[in-house]
Amino acid sequence: MTRMHENEHRRPCITISSTDLELLHYLITLTGGYISNKKNYNPQRHKNSYTLNIKKKECVLNILKNIAPFLRVNQKRERAQWIIQNYELVTPRNGKYTPESLMRKIKFEEVFFEL
């Protein structure tokens, strides 16, 4: 989850790093997103590396629903399930929070990071 500005709340995102640029381009056709290059400080020893960033809410939630059962790291699986089950419940569509909904959103984020 990333934080944009102090008055905004974290939003789920998915990043996939790989040295296989062709694979990441294929994944873009399935998921959307954008690819960024990682700086290679030792090209004689390491391949160039790239990261696919997916930030669109609908895409992220759809991907998480599809991959959560297959995640082998417990923390990642639990966090994915937490987002799937709760993110839309605590996030108003218009982005405007009442004091009560703001408290629910903050609690959602706190529980996420405790997992």
PDB file of N, CA and C in Angstrom:
ATOM      1  N   MET A   1       0.860  -1.169   0.000  1.00  0.00           N
ATOM      2  CA  MET A   1       0.000   0.000   0.000  1.00  0.00           C
ATOM      3  C   MET A   1       0.904   1.229   0.000  1.00  0.00           C
ATOM      4  N   THR A   2       0.489   2.247  -0.713  1.00  0.00           N
ATOM      5  CA  THR A   2       1.314   3.441  -0.832  1.00  0.00           C
ATOM      6  C   THR A   2       0.595   4.650  -0.265  1.00  0.00           C
ATOM      7  N   ARG A   3       1.355   5.674   0.137  1.00  0.00           N
ATOM      8  CA  ARG A   3       0.768   6.915   0.605  1.00  0.00           C
ATOM      9  C   ARG A   3       1.158   8.009  -0.387  1.00  0.00           C
ATOM     10  N   MET A   4       0.138   8.749  -0.855  1.00  0.00           N
ATOM     11  CA  MET A   4       0.383   9.790  -1.840  1.00  0.00           C
ATOM     12  C   MET A   4       0.718  11.115  -1.144  1.00  0.00           C
ATOM     13  N   HIS A   5      -0.227  11.666  -0.409  1.00  0.00           N
ATOM     14  CA  HIS A   5      -0.041  12.919   0.325  1.00  0.00           C
ATOM     15  C   HIS A   5      -0.528  12.698   1.741  1.00  0.00           C
ATOM     16  N   GLU A   6      -0.141  13.559   2.633  1.00  0.00           N
ATOM     17  CA  GLU A   6      -0.495  13.401   4.039  1.00  0.00           C
ATOM     18  C   GLU A   6      -2.004  13.332   4.252  1.00  0.00           C
ATOM     19  N   ASN A   7      -2.802  14.071   3.480  1.00  0.00           N
ATOM     20  CA  ASN A   7      -4.247  14.075   3.683  1.00  0.00           C
ATOM     21  C   ASN A   7      -4.948  12.962   2.901  1.00  0.00           C
ATOM     22  N   GLU A   8      -4.216  12.165   2.140  1.00  0.00           N
ATOM     23  CA  GLU A   8      -4.797  11.039   1.428  1.00  0.00           C
ATOM     24  C   GLU A   8      -4.467   9.761   2.169  1.00  0.00           C
ATOM     25  N   HIS A   9      -5.222   8.743   1.878  1.00  0.00           N
ATOM     26  CA  HIS A   9      -5.009   7.465   2.539  1.00  0.00           C
ATOM     27  C   HIS A   9      -4.366   6.483   1.589  1.00  0.00           C
ATOM     28  N   ARG A  10      -3.789   5.461   2.168  1.00  0.00           N
ATOM     29  CA  ARG A  10      -3.119   4.446   1.372  1.00  0.00           C
ATOM     30  C   ARG A  10      -4.110   3.723   0.481  1.00  0.00           C
ATOM     31  N   ARG A  11      -3.606   3.345  -0.688  1.00  0.00           N
ATOM     32  CA  ARG A  11      -4.406   2.581  -1.636  1.00  0.00           C
ATOM     33  C   ARG A  11      -3.624   1.328  -1.993  1.00  0.00           C
ATOM     34  N   PRO A  12      -4.322   0.213  -2.178  1.00  0.00           N
ATOM     35  CA  PRO A  12      -3.591  -1.001  -2.539  1.00  0.00           C
ATOM     36  C   PRO A  12      -3.002  -0.899  -3.944  1.00  0.00           C
ATOM     37  N   CYS A  13      -1.841  -1.453  -4.100  1.00  0.00           N
ATOM     38  CA  CYS A  13      -1.208  -1.531  -5.412  1.00  0.00           C
ATOM     39  C   CYS A  13      -0.443  -2.845  -5.487  1.00  0.00           C
ATOM     40  N   ILE A  14      -0.143  -3.269  -6.687  1.00  0.00           N
ATOM     41  CA  ILE A  14       0.619  -4.494  -6.902  1.00  0.00           C
ATOM     42  C   ILE A  14       1.834  -4.143  -7.739  1.00  0.00           C
ATOM     43  N   THR A  15       3.001  -4.642  -7.315  1.00  0.00           N
ATOM     44  CA  THR A  15       4.214  -4.467  -8.108  1.00  0.00           C
ATOM     45  C   THR A  15       4.806  -5.840  -8.391  1.00  0.00           C
ATOM     46  N   ILE A  16       5.288  -6.004  -9.621  1.00  0.00           N
ATOM     47  CA  ILE A  16       5.913  -7.257 -10.036  1.00  0.00           C
ATOM     48  C   ILE A  16       7.253  -6.901 -10.653  1.00  0.00           C
ATOM     49  N   SER A  17       8.317  -7.383 -10.045  1.00  0.00           N
ATOM     50  CA  SER A  17       9.663  -7.118 -10.560  1.00  0.00           C
ATOM     51  C   SER A  17      10.167  -8.320 -11.338  1.00  0.00           C
ATOM     52  N   SER A  18      10.878  -8.050 -12.421  1.00  0.00           N
ATOM     53  CA  SER A  18      11.412  -9.126 -13.249  1.00  0.00           C
ATOM     54  C   SER A  18      12.509  -8.588 -14.153  1.00  0.00           C
ATOM     55  N   THR A  19      13.376  -9.484 -14.581  1.00  0.00           N
ATOM     56  CA  THR A  19      14.354  -9.135 -15.612  1.00  0.00           C
ATOM     57  C   THR A  19      13.798  -9.449 -16.993  1.00  0.00           C
ATOM     58  N   ASP A  20      12.630 -10.078 -17.043  1.00  0.00           N
ATOM     59  CA  ASP A  20      11.996 -10.486 -18.304  1.00  0.00           C
ATOM     60  C   ASP A  20      11.002  -9.406 -18.750  1.00  0.00           C
ATOM     61  N   LEU A  21      11.481  -8.472 -19.542  1.00  0.00           N
ATOM     62  CA  LEU A  21      10.658  -7.360 -19.993  1.00  0.00           C
ATOM     63  C   LEU A  21       9.475  -7.837 -20.842  1.00  0.00           C
ATOM     64  N   GLU A  22       9.694  -8.856 -21.657  1.00  0.00           N
ATOM     65  CA  GLU A  22       8.626  -9.398 -22.500  1.00  0.00           C
ATOM     66  C   GLU A  22       7.472  -9.922 -21.634  1.00  0.00           C
ATOM     67  N   LEU A  23       7.796 -10.590 -20.536  1.00  0.00           N
ATOM     68  CA  LEU A  23       6.772 -11.082 -19.614  1.00  0.00           C
ATOM     69  C   LEU A  23       5.962  -9.929 -19.035  1.00  0.00           C
ATOM     70  N   LEU A  24       6.633  -8.872 -18.613  1.00  0.00           N
ATOM     71  CA  LEU A  24       5.927  -7.731 -18.031  1.00  0.00           C
ATOM     72  C   LEU A  24       5.030  -7.048 -19.063  1.00  0.00           C
ATOM     73  N   HIS A  25       5.482  -6.959 -20.313  1.00  0.00           N
ATOM     74  CA  HIS A  25       4.635  -6.392 -21.364  1.00  0.00           C
ATOM     75  C   HIS A  25       3.385  -7.259 -21.576  1.00  0.00           C
ATOM     76  N   TYR A  26       3.553  -8.562 -21.515  1.00  0.00           N
ATOM     77  CA  TYR A  26       2.403  -9.460 -21.625  1.00  0.00           C
ATOM     78  C   TYR A  26       1.440  -9.236 -20.457  1.00  0.00           C
ATOM     79  N   LEU A  27       1.973  -9.112 -19.240  1.00  0.00           N
ATOM     80  CA  LEU A  27       1.121  -8.891 -18.071  1.00  0.00           C
ATOM     81  C   LEU A  27       0.355  -7.574 -18.166  1.00  0.00           C
ATOM     82  N   ILE A  28       0.954  -6.559 -18.780  1.00  0.00           N
ATOM     83  CA  ILE A  28       0.251  -5.291 -18.976  1.00  0.00           C
ATOM     84  C   ILE A  28      -1.007  -5.507 -19.811  1.00  0.00           C
ATOM     85  N   THR A  29      -0.933  -6.381 -20.816  1.00  0.00           N
ATOM     86  CA  THR A  29      -2.120  -6.631 -21.650  1.00  0.00           C
ATOM     87  C   THR A  29      -3.238  -7.274 -20.829  1.00  0.00           C
ATOM     88  N   LEU A  30      -2.886  -7.975 -19.754  1.00  0.00           N
ATOM     89  CA  LEU A  30      -3.883  -8.627 -18.894  1.00  0.00           C
ATOM     90  C   LEU A  30      -4.360  -7.735 -17.754  1.00  0.00           C
ATOM     91  N   THR A  31      -3.470  -6.875 -17.262  1.00  0.00           N
ATOM     92  CA  THR A  31      -3.754  -6.173 -16.012  1.00  0.00           C
ATOM     93  C   THR A  31      -3.748  -4.654 -16.105  1.00  0.00           C
ATOM     94  N   GLY A  32      -3.138  -4.099 -17.144  1.00  0.00           N
ATOM     95  CA  GLY A  32      -2.909  -2.661 -17.159  1.00  0.00           C
ATOM     96  C   GLY A  32      -1.670  -2.355 -16.337  1.00  0.00           C
ATOM     97  N   GLY A  33      -1.477  -1.089 -16.043  1.00  0.00           N
ATOM     98  CA  GLY A  33      -0.324  -0.676 -15.264  1.00  0.00           C
ATOM     99  C   GLY A  33       0.761  -0.082 -16.138  1.00  0.00           C
ATOM    100  N   TYR A  34       1.905   0.117 -15.543  1.00  0.00           N
ATOM    101  CA  TYR A  34       3.040   0.683 -16.282  1.00  0.00           C
ATOM    102  C   TYR A  34       4.336   0.063 -15.779  1.00  0.00           C
ATOM    103  N   ILE A  35       5.341   0.093 -16.621  1.00  0.00           N
ATOM    104  CA  ILE A  35       6.643  -0.502 -16.302  1.00  0.00           C
ATOM    105  C   ILE A  35       7.649   0.603 -16.036  1.00  0.00           C
ATOM    106  N   SER A  36       8.424   0.422 -14.977  1.00  0.00           N
ATOM    107  CA  SER A  36       9.528   1.344 -14.704  1.00  0.00           C
ATOM    108  C   SER A  36      10.834   0.546 -14.692  1.00  0.00           C
ATOM    109  N   ASN A  37      11.896   1.224 -15.067  1.00  0.00           N
ATOM    110  CA  ASN A  37      13.221   0.601 -15.094  1.00  0.00           C
ATOM    111  C   ASN A  37      13.877   0.762 -13.733  1.00  0.00           C
ATOM    112  N   LYS A  38      14.640  -0.253 -13.353  1.00  0.00           N
ATOM    113  CA  LYS A  38      15.438  -0.137 -12.144  1.00  0.00           C
ATOM    114  C   LYS A  38      16.882   0.125 -12.570  1.00  0.00           C
ATOM    115  N   LYS A  39      17.552   0.962 -11.847  1.00  0.00           N
ATOM    116  CA  LYS A  39      18.944   1.284 -12.163  1.00  0.00           C
ATOM    117  C   LYS A  39      19.832   0.061 -11.935  1.00  0.00           C
ATOM    118  N   ASN A  40      20.600  -0.282 -12.953  1.00  0.00           N
ATOM    119  CA  ASN A  40      21.539  -1.394 -12.856  1.00  0.00           C
ATOM    120  C   ASN A  40      22.928  -0.821 -12.603  1.00  0.00           C
ATOM    121  N   TYR A  41      23.404  -0.973 -11.382  1.00  0.00           N
ATOM    122  CA  TYR A  41      24.689  -0.389 -11.008  1.00  0.00           C
ATOM    123  C   TYR A  41      25.881  -1.263 -11.406  1.00  0.00           C
ATOM    124  N   ASN A  42      25.606  -2.503 -11.826  1.00  0.00           N
ATOM    125  CA  ASN A  42      26.693  -3.395 -12.202  1.00  0.00           C
ATOM    126  C   ASN A  42      26.253  -4.255 -13.394  1.00  0.00           C
ATOM    127  N   PRO A  43      26.199  -3.663 -14.615  1.00  0.00           N
ATOM    128  CA  PRO A  43      25.685  -4.386 -15.779  1.00  0.00           C
ATOM    129  C   PRO A  43      26.515  -5.617 -16.174  1.00  0.00           C
ATOM    130  N   GLN A  44      27.799  -5.667 -15.789  1.00  0.00           N
ATOM    131  CA  GLN A  44      28.604  -6.847 -16.118  1.00  0.00           C
ATOM    132  C   GLN A  44      28.153  -8.060 -15.291  1.00  0.00           C
ATOM    133  N   ARG A  45      27.580  -7.819 -14.138  1.00  0.00           N
ATOM    134  CA  ARG A  45      27.212  -8.907 -13.232  1.00  0.00           C
ATOM    135  C   ARG A  45      25.713  -9.175 -13.197  1.00  0.00           C
ATOM    136  N   HIS A  46      24.894  -8.151 -13.427  1.00  0.00           N
ATOM    137  CA  HIS A  46      23.444  -8.280 -13.272  1.00  0.00           C
ATOM    138  C   HIS A  46      22.704  -7.916 -14.560  1.00  0.00           C
ATOM    139  N   LYS A  47      21.566  -8.563 -14.765  1.00  0.00           N
ATOM    140  CA  LYS A  47      20.685  -8.207 -15.874  1.00  0.00           C
ATOM    141  C   LYS A  47      19.910  -6.941 -15.508  1.00  0.00           C
ATOM    142  N   ASN A  48      19.419  -6.245 -16.531  1.00  0.00           N
ATOM    143  CA  ASN A  48      18.539  -5.115 -16.267  1.00  0.00           C
ATOM    144  C   ASN A  48      17.256  -5.634 -15.626  1.00  0.00           C
ATOM    145  N   SER A  49      16.691  -4.851 -14.729  1.00  0.00           N
ATOM    146  CA  SER A  49      15.496  -5.261 -14.012  1.00  0.00           C
ATOM    147  C   SER A  49      14.406  -4.209 -14.202  1.00  0.00           C
ATOM    148  N   TYR A  50      13.160  -4.666 -14.213  1.00  0.00           N
ATOM    149  CA  TYR A  50      12.008  -3.798 -14.459  1.00  0.00           C
ATOM    150  C   TYR A  50      10.918  -4.106 -13.433  1.00  0.00           C
ATOM    151  N   THR A  51      10.053  -3.133 -13.202  1.00  0.00           N
ATOM    152  CA  THR A  51       8.949  -3.325 -12.269  1.00  0.00           C
ATOM    153  C   THR A  51       7.652  -2.896 -12.925  1.00  0.00           C
ATOM    154  N   LEU A  52       6.667  -3.801 -12.901  1.00  0.00           N
ATOM    155  CA  LEU A  52       5.318  -3.491 -13.345  1.00  0.00           C
ATOM    156  C   LEU A  52       4.544  -2.987 -12.140  1.00  0.00           C
ATOM    157  N   ASN A  53       3.950  -1.793 -12.261  1.00  0.00           N
ATOM    158  CA  ASN A  53       3.163  -1.186 -11.196  1.00  0.00           C
ATOM    159  C   ASN A  53       1.700  -1.163 -11.614  1.00  0.00           C
ATOM    160  N   ILE A  54       0.844  -1.726 -10.777  1.00  0.00           N
ATOM    161  CA  ILE A  54      -0.597  -1.744 -11.038  1.00  0.00           C
ATOM    162  C   ILE A  54      -1.266  -1.019  -9.887  1.00  0.00           C
ATOM    163  N   LYS A  55      -1.971   0.081 -10.195  1.00  0.00           N
ATOM    164  CA  LYS A  55      -2.546   0.916  -9.145  1.00  0.00           C
ATOM    165  C   LYS A  55      -4.056   1.106  -9.271  1.00  0.00           C
ATOM    166  N   LYS A  56      -4.636   0.775 -10.410  1.00  0.00           N
ATOM    167  CA  LYS A  56      -6.069   0.967 -10.600  1.00  0.00           C
ATOM    168  C   LYS A  56      -6.836   0.014  -9.682  1.00  0.00           C
ATOM    169  N   LYS A  57      -7.730   0.580  -8.857  1.00  0.00           N
ATOM    170  CA  LYS A  57      -8.408  -0.181  -7.808  1.00  0.00           C
ATOM    171  C   LYS A  57      -9.074  -1.447  -8.331  1.00  0.00           C
ATOM    172  N   GLU A  58      -9.835  -1.343  -9.423  1.00  0.00           N
ATOM    173  CA  GLU A  58     -10.558  -2.504  -9.942  1.00  0.00           C
ATOM    174  C   GLU A  58      -9.597  -3.609 -10.364  1.00  0.00           C
ATOM    175  N   CYS A  59      -8.501  -3.225 -10.988  1.00  0.00           N
ATOM    176  CA  CYS A  59      -7.501  -4.205 -11.422  1.00  0.00           C
ATOM    177  C   CYS A  59      -6.837  -4.875 -10.227  1.00  0.00           C
ATOM    178  N   VAL A  60      -6.440  -4.072  -9.255  1.00  0.00           N
ATOM    179  CA  VAL A  60      -5.768  -4.614  -8.071  1.00  0.00           C
ATOM    180  C   VAL A  60      -6.676  -5.603  -7.348  1.00  0.00           C
ATOM    181  N   LEU A  61      -7.930  -5.220  -7.107  1.00  0.00           N
ATOM    182  CA  LEU A  61      -8.845  -6.107  -6.391  1.00  0.00           C
ATOM    183  C   LEU A  61      -9.111  -7.386  -7.182  1.00  0.00           C
ATOM    184  N   ASN A  62      -9.267  -7.265  -8.485  1.00  0.00           N
ATOM    185  CA  ASN A  62      -9.496  -8.439  -9.322  1.00  0.00           C
ATOM    186  C   ASN A  62      -8.296  -9.395  -9.284  1.00  0.00           C
ATOM    187  N   ILE A  63      -7.112  -8.843  -9.388  1.00  0.00           N
ATOM    188  CA  ILE A  63      -5.904  -9.669  -9.337  1.00  0.00           C
ATOM    189  C   ILE A  63      -5.796 -10.356  -7.975  1.00  0.00           C
ATOM    190  N   LEU A  64      -6.007  -9.594  -6.904  1.00  0.00           N
ATOM    191  CA  LEU A  64      -5.907 -10.181  -5.566  1.00  0.00           C
ATOM    192  C   LEU A  64      -6.902 -11.324  -5.385  1.00  0.00           C
ATOM    193  N   LYS A  65      -8.127 -11.141  -5.885  1.00  0.00           N
ATOM    194  CA  LYS A  65      -9.138 -12.206  -5.768  1.00  0.00           C
ATOM    195  C   LYS A  65      -8.679 -13.468  -6.486  1.00  0.00           C
ATOM    196  N   ASN A  66      -7.987 -13.294  -7.596  1.00  0.00           N
ATOM    197  CA  ASN A  66      -7.543 -14.445  -8.383  1.00  0.00           C
ATOM    198  C   ASN A  66      -6.288 -15.117  -7.838  1.00  0.00           C
ATOM    199  N   ILE A  67      -5.403 -14.351  -7.215  1.00  0.00           N
ATOM    200  CA  ILE A  67      -4.127 -14.940  -6.785  1.00  0.00           C
ATOM    201  C   ILE A  67      -4.067 -15.258  -5.293  1.00  0.00           C
ATOM    202  N   ALA A  68      -4.936 -14.680  -4.476  1.00  0.00           N
ATOM    203  CA  ALA A  68      -4.853 -14.856  -3.021  1.00  0.00           C
ATOM    204  C   ALA A  68      -4.773 -16.328  -2.598  1.00  0.00           C
ATOM    205  N   PRO A  69      -5.580 -17.224  -3.176  1.00  0.00           N
ATOM    206  CA  PRO A  69      -5.501 -18.619  -2.733  1.00  0.00           C
ATOM    207  C   PRO A  69      -4.145 -19.280  -3.019  1.00  0.00           C
ATOM    208  N   PHE A  70      -3.375 -18.703  -3.927  1.00  0.00           N
ATOM    209  CA  PHE A  70      -2.114 -19.307  -4.334  1.00  0.00           C
ATOM    210  C   PHE A  70      -0.894 -18.663  -3.681  1.00  0.00           C
ATOM    211  N   LEU A  71      -1.095 -17.595  -2.915  1.00  0.00           N
ATOM    212  CA  LEU A  71       0.034 -16.936  -2.258  1.00  0.00           C
ATOM    213  C   LEU A  71       0.567 -17.847  -1.163  1.00  0.00           C
ATOM    214  N   ARG A  72       1.866 -18.078  -1.190  1.00  0.00           N
ATOM    215  CA  ARG A  72       2.476 -19.029  -0.259  1.00  0.00           C
ATOM    216  C   ARG A  72       3.006 -18.363   0.998  1.00  0.00           C
ATOM    217  N   VAL A  73       3.241 -17.072   0.956  1.00  0.00           N
ATOM    218  CA  VAL A  73       3.704 -16.345   2.139  1.00  0.00           C
ATOM    219  C   VAL A  73       2.453 -15.950   2.940  1.00  0.00           C
ATOM    220  N   ASN A  74       2.373 -16.457   4.173  1.00  0.00           N
ATOM    221  CA  ASN A  74       1.166 -16.245   4.987  1.00  0.00           C
ATOM    222  C   ASN A  74       0.780 -14.782   5.102  1.00  0.00           C
ATOM    223  N   GLN A  75       1.757 -13.919   5.389  1.00  0.00           N
ATOM    224  CA  GLN A  75       1.457 -12.496   5.571  1.00  0.00           C
ATOM    225  C   GLN A  75       0.863 -11.895   4.299  1.00  0.00           C
ATOM    226  N   LYS A  76       1.405 -12.230   3.153  1.00  0.00           N
ATOM    227  CA  LYS A  76       0.884 -11.686   1.897  1.00  0.00           C
ATOM    228  C   LYS A  76      -0.525 -12.197   1.629  1.00  0.00           C
ATOM    229  N   ARG A  77      -0.765 -13.491   1.894  1.00  0.00           N
ATOM    230  CA  ARG A  77      -2.094 -14.049   1.690  1.00  0.00           C
ATOM    231  C   ARG A  77      -3.113 -13.398   2.628  1.00  0.00           C
ATOM    232  N   GLU A  78      -2.756 -13.240   3.904  1.00  0.00           N
ATOM    233  CA  GLU A  78      -3.654 -12.616   4.876  1.00  0.00           C
ATOM    234  C   GLU A  78      -3.932 -11.153   4.516  1.00  0.00           C
ATOM    235  N   ARG A  79      -2.909 -10.443   4.092  1.00  0.00           N
ATOM    236  CA  ARG A  79      -3.111  -9.039   3.703  1.00  0.00           C
ATOM    237  C   ARG A  79      -3.983  -8.932   2.456  1.00  0.00           C
ATOM    238  N   ALA A  80      -3.761  -9.821   1.485  1.00  0.00           N
ATOM    239  CA  ALA A  80      -4.595  -9.813   0.276  1.00  0.00           C
ATOM    240  C   ALA A  80      -6.047 -10.074   0.641  1.00  0.00           C
ATOM    241  N   GLN A  81      -6.294 -11.061   1.492  1.00  0.00           N
ATOM    242  CA  GLN A  81      -7.669 -11.371   1.898  1.00  0.00           C
ATOM    243  C   GLN A  81      -8.289 -10.213   2.676  1.00  0.00           C
ATOM    244  N   TRP A  82      -7.507  -9.547   3.507  1.00  0.00           N
ATOM    245  CA  TRP A  82      -8.001  -8.391   4.275  1.00  0.00           C
ATOM    246  C   TRP A  82      -8.446  -7.278   3.323  1.00  0.00           C
ATOM    247  N   ILE A  83      -7.640  -7.000   2.309  1.00  0.00           N
ATOM    248  CA  ILE A  83      -7.991  -5.962   1.331  1.00  0.00           C
ATOM    249  C   ILE A  83      -9.252  -6.364   0.570  1.00  0.00           C
ATOM    250  N   ILE A  84      -9.306  -7.610   0.106  1.00  0.00           N
ATOM    251  CA  ILE A  84     -10.465  -8.080  -0.661  1.00  0.00           C
ATOM    252  C   ILE A  84     -11.750  -7.929   0.156  1.00  0.00           C
ATOM    253  N   GLN A  85     -11.691  -8.307   1.421  1.00  0.00           N
ATOM    254  CA  GLN A  85     -12.886  -8.323   2.261  1.00  0.00           C
ATOM    255  C   GLN A  85     -13.280  -6.948   2.790  1.00  0.00           C
ATOM    256  N   ASN A  86     -12.325  -6.034   2.941  1.00  0.00           N
ATOM    257  CA  ASN A  86     -12.618  -4.808   3.684  1.00  0.00           C
ATOM    258  C   ASN A  86     -12.382  -3.490   2.974  1.00  0.00           C
ATOM    259  N   TYR A  87     -11.543  -3.461   1.949  1.00  0.00           N
ATOM    260  CA  TYR A  87     -11.137  -2.178   1.365  1.00  0.00           C
ATOM    261  C   TYR A  87     -12.327  -1.348   0.888  1.00  0.00           C
ATOM    262  N   GLU A  88     -13.214  -1.952   0.117  1.00  0.00           N
ATOM    263  CA  GLU A  88     -14.340  -1.174  -0.411  1.00  0.00           C
ATOM    264  C   GLU A  88     -15.329  -0.774   0.679  1.00  0.00           C
ATOM    265  N   LEU A  89     -15.373  -1.519   1.783  1.00  0.00           N
ATOM    266  CA  LEU A  89     -16.271  -1.181   2.887  1.00  0.00           C
ATOM    267  C   LEU A  89     -15.835   0.083   3.613  1.00  0.00           C
ATOM    268  N   VAL A  90     -14.538   0.383   3.604  1.00  0.00           N
ATOM    269  CA  VAL A  90     -14.022   1.535   4.352  1.00  0.00           C
ATOM    270  C   VAL A  90     -13.588   2.690   3.448  1.00  0.00           C
ATOM    271  N   THR A  91     -13.818   2.549   2.141  1.00  0.00           N
ATOM    272  CA  THR A  91     -13.364   3.573   1.200  1.00  0.00           C
ATOM    273  C   THR A  91     -14.563   4.136   0.436  1.00  0.00           C
ATOM    274  N   PRO A  92     -14.967   5.381   0.735  1.00  0.00           N
ATOM    275  CA  PRO A  92     -16.094   5.961   0.006  1.00  0.00           C
ATOM    276  C   PRO A  92     -15.738   6.232  -1.451  1.00  0.00           C
ATOM    277  N   ARG A  93     -16.704   6.054  -2.332  1.00  0.00           N
ATOM    278  CA  ARG A  93     -16.450   6.248  -3.763  1.00  0.00           C
ATOM    279  C   ARG A  93     -16.021   7.670  -4.088  1.00  0.00           C
ATOM    280  N   ASN A  94     -16.571   8.646  -3.360  1.00  0.00           N
ATOM    281  CA  ASN A  94     -16.249  10.044  -3.657  1.00  0.00           C
ATOM    282  C   ASN A  94     -14.984  10.513  -2.936  1.00  0.00           C
ATOM    283  N   GLY A  95     -14.403   9.665  -2.097  1.00  0.00           N
ATOM    284  CA  GLY A  95     -13.173  10.027  -1.406  1.00  0.00           C
ATOM    285  C   GLY A  95     -13.360  10.972  -0.238  1.00  0.00           C
ATOM    286  N   LYS A  96     -14.607  11.268   0.104  1.00  0.00           N
ATOM    287  CA  LYS A  96     -14.874  12.187   1.218  1.00  0.00           C
ATOM    288  C   LYS A  96     -15.247  11.376   2.450  1.00  0.00           C
ATOM    289  N   TYR A  97     -14.518  11.610   3.521  1.00  0.00           N
ATOM    290  CA  TYR A  97     -14.690  10.843   4.748  1.00  0.00           C
ATOM    291  C   TYR A  97     -15.419  11.666   5.805  1.00  0.00           C
ATOM    292  N   THR A  98     -16.400  11.031   6.444  1.00  0.00           N
ATOM    293  CA  THR A  98     -16.987  11.596   7.653  1.00  0.00           C
ATOM    294  C   THR A  98     -16.035  11.235   8.794  1.00  0.00           C
ATOM    295  N   PRO A  99     -16.166  11.864   9.952  1.00  0.00           N
ATOM    296  CA  PRO A  99     -15.283  11.474  11.065  1.00  0.00           C
ATOM    297  C   PRO A  99     -15.379   9.975  11.383  1.00  0.00           C
ATOM    298  N   GLU A 100     -16.582   9.422  11.300  1.00  0.00           N
ATOM    299  CA  GLU A 100     -16.766   7.994  11.580  1.00  0.00           C
ATOM    300  C   GLU A 100     -16.104   7.114  10.513  1.00  0.00           C
ATOM    301  N   SER A 101     -16.308   7.459   9.245  1.00  0.00           N
ATOM    302  CA  SER A 101     -15.714   6.657   8.177  1.00  0.00           C
ATOM    303  C   SER A 101     -14.190   6.811   8.159  1.00  0.00           C
ATOM    304  N   LEU A 102     -13.692   7.963   8.551  1.00  0.00           N
ATOM    305  CA  LEU A 102     -12.245   8.174   8.638  1.00  0.00           C
ATOM    306  C   LEU A 102     -11.638   7.260   9.702  1.00  0.00           C
ATOM    307  N   MET A 103     -12.321   7.117  10.819  1.00  0.00           N
ATOM    308  CA  MET A 103     -11.827   6.231  11.875  1.00  0.00           C
ATOM    309  C   MET A 103     -11.808   4.781  11.401  1.00  0.00           C
ATOM    310  N   ARG A 104     -12.837   4.373  10.643  1.00  0.00           N
ATOM    311  CA  ARG A 104     -12.861   3.006  10.097  1.00  0.00           C
ATOM    312  C   ARG A 104     -11.705   2.801   9.121  1.00  0.00           C
ATOM    313  N   LYS A 105     -11.420   3.804   8.302  1.00  0.00           N
ATOM    314  CA  LYS A 105     -10.328   3.703   7.330  1.00  0.00           C
ATOM    315  C   LYS A 105      -8.983   3.588   8.047  1.00  0.00           C
ATOM    316  N   ILE A 106      -8.778   4.399   9.056  1.00  0.00           N
ATOM    317  CA  ILE A 106      -7.523   4.366   9.813  1.00  0.00           C
ATOM    318  C   ILE A 106      -7.358   3.014  10.496  1.00  0.00           C
ATOM    319  N   LYS A 107      -8.438   2.493  11.074  1.00  0.00           N
ATOM    320  CA  LYS A 107      -8.394   1.190  11.725  1.00  0.00           C
ATOM    321  C   LYS A 107      -8.077   0.090  10.702  1.00  0.00           C
ATOM    322  N   PHE A 108      -8.672   0.193   9.512  1.00  0.00           N
ATOM    323  CA  PHE A 108      -8.384  -0.756   8.422  1.00  0.00           C
ATOM    324  C   PHE A 108      -6.877  -0.781   8.138  1.00  0.00           C
ATOM    325  N   GLU A 109      -6.278   0.402   8.005  1.00  0.00           N
ATOM    326  CA  GLU A 109      -4.842   0.491   7.707  1.00  0.00           C
ATOM    327  C   GLU A 109      -4.010  -0.070   8.852  1.00  0.00           C
ATOM    328  N   GLU A 110      -4.404   0.222  10.089  1.00  0.00           N
ATOM    329  CA  GLU A 110      -3.655  -0.278  11.242  1.00  0.00           C
ATOM    330  C   GLU A 110      -3.674  -1.809  11.279  1.00  0.00           C
ATOM    331  N   VAL A 111      -4.859  -2.389  11.077  1.00  0.00           N
ATOM    332  CA  VAL A 111      -4.957  -3.856  11.091  1.00  0.00           C
ATOM    333  C   VAL A 111      -4.141  -4.448   9.949  1.00  0.00           C
ATOM    334  N   PHE A 112      -4.188  -3.825   8.770  1.00  0.00           N
ATOM    335  CA  PHE A 112      -3.410  -4.309   7.621  1.00  0.00           C
ATOM    336  C   PHE A 112      -1.941  -4.435   7.988  1.00  0.00           C
ATOM    337  N   PHE A 113      -1.384  -3.407   8.620  1.00  0.00           N
ATOM    338  CA  PHE A 113       0.040  -3.421   8.922  1.00  0.00           C
ATOM    339  C   PHE A 113       0.383  -4.295  10.126  1.00  0.00           C
ATOM    340  N   GLU A 114      -0.622  -4.686  10.903  1.00  0.00           N
ATOM    341  CA  GLU A 114      -0.390  -5.623  11.997  1.00  0.00           C
ATOM    342  C   GLU A 114      -0.376  -7.064  11.523  1.00  0.00           C
ATOM    343  N   LEU A 115      -0.938  -7.306  10.339  1.00  0.00           N
ATOM    344  CA  LEU A 115      -0.975  -8.675   9.811  1.00  0.00           C
ATOM    345  C   LEU A 115       0.418  -9.151   9.427  1.00  0.00           C
TER     346      LEU A 115
END
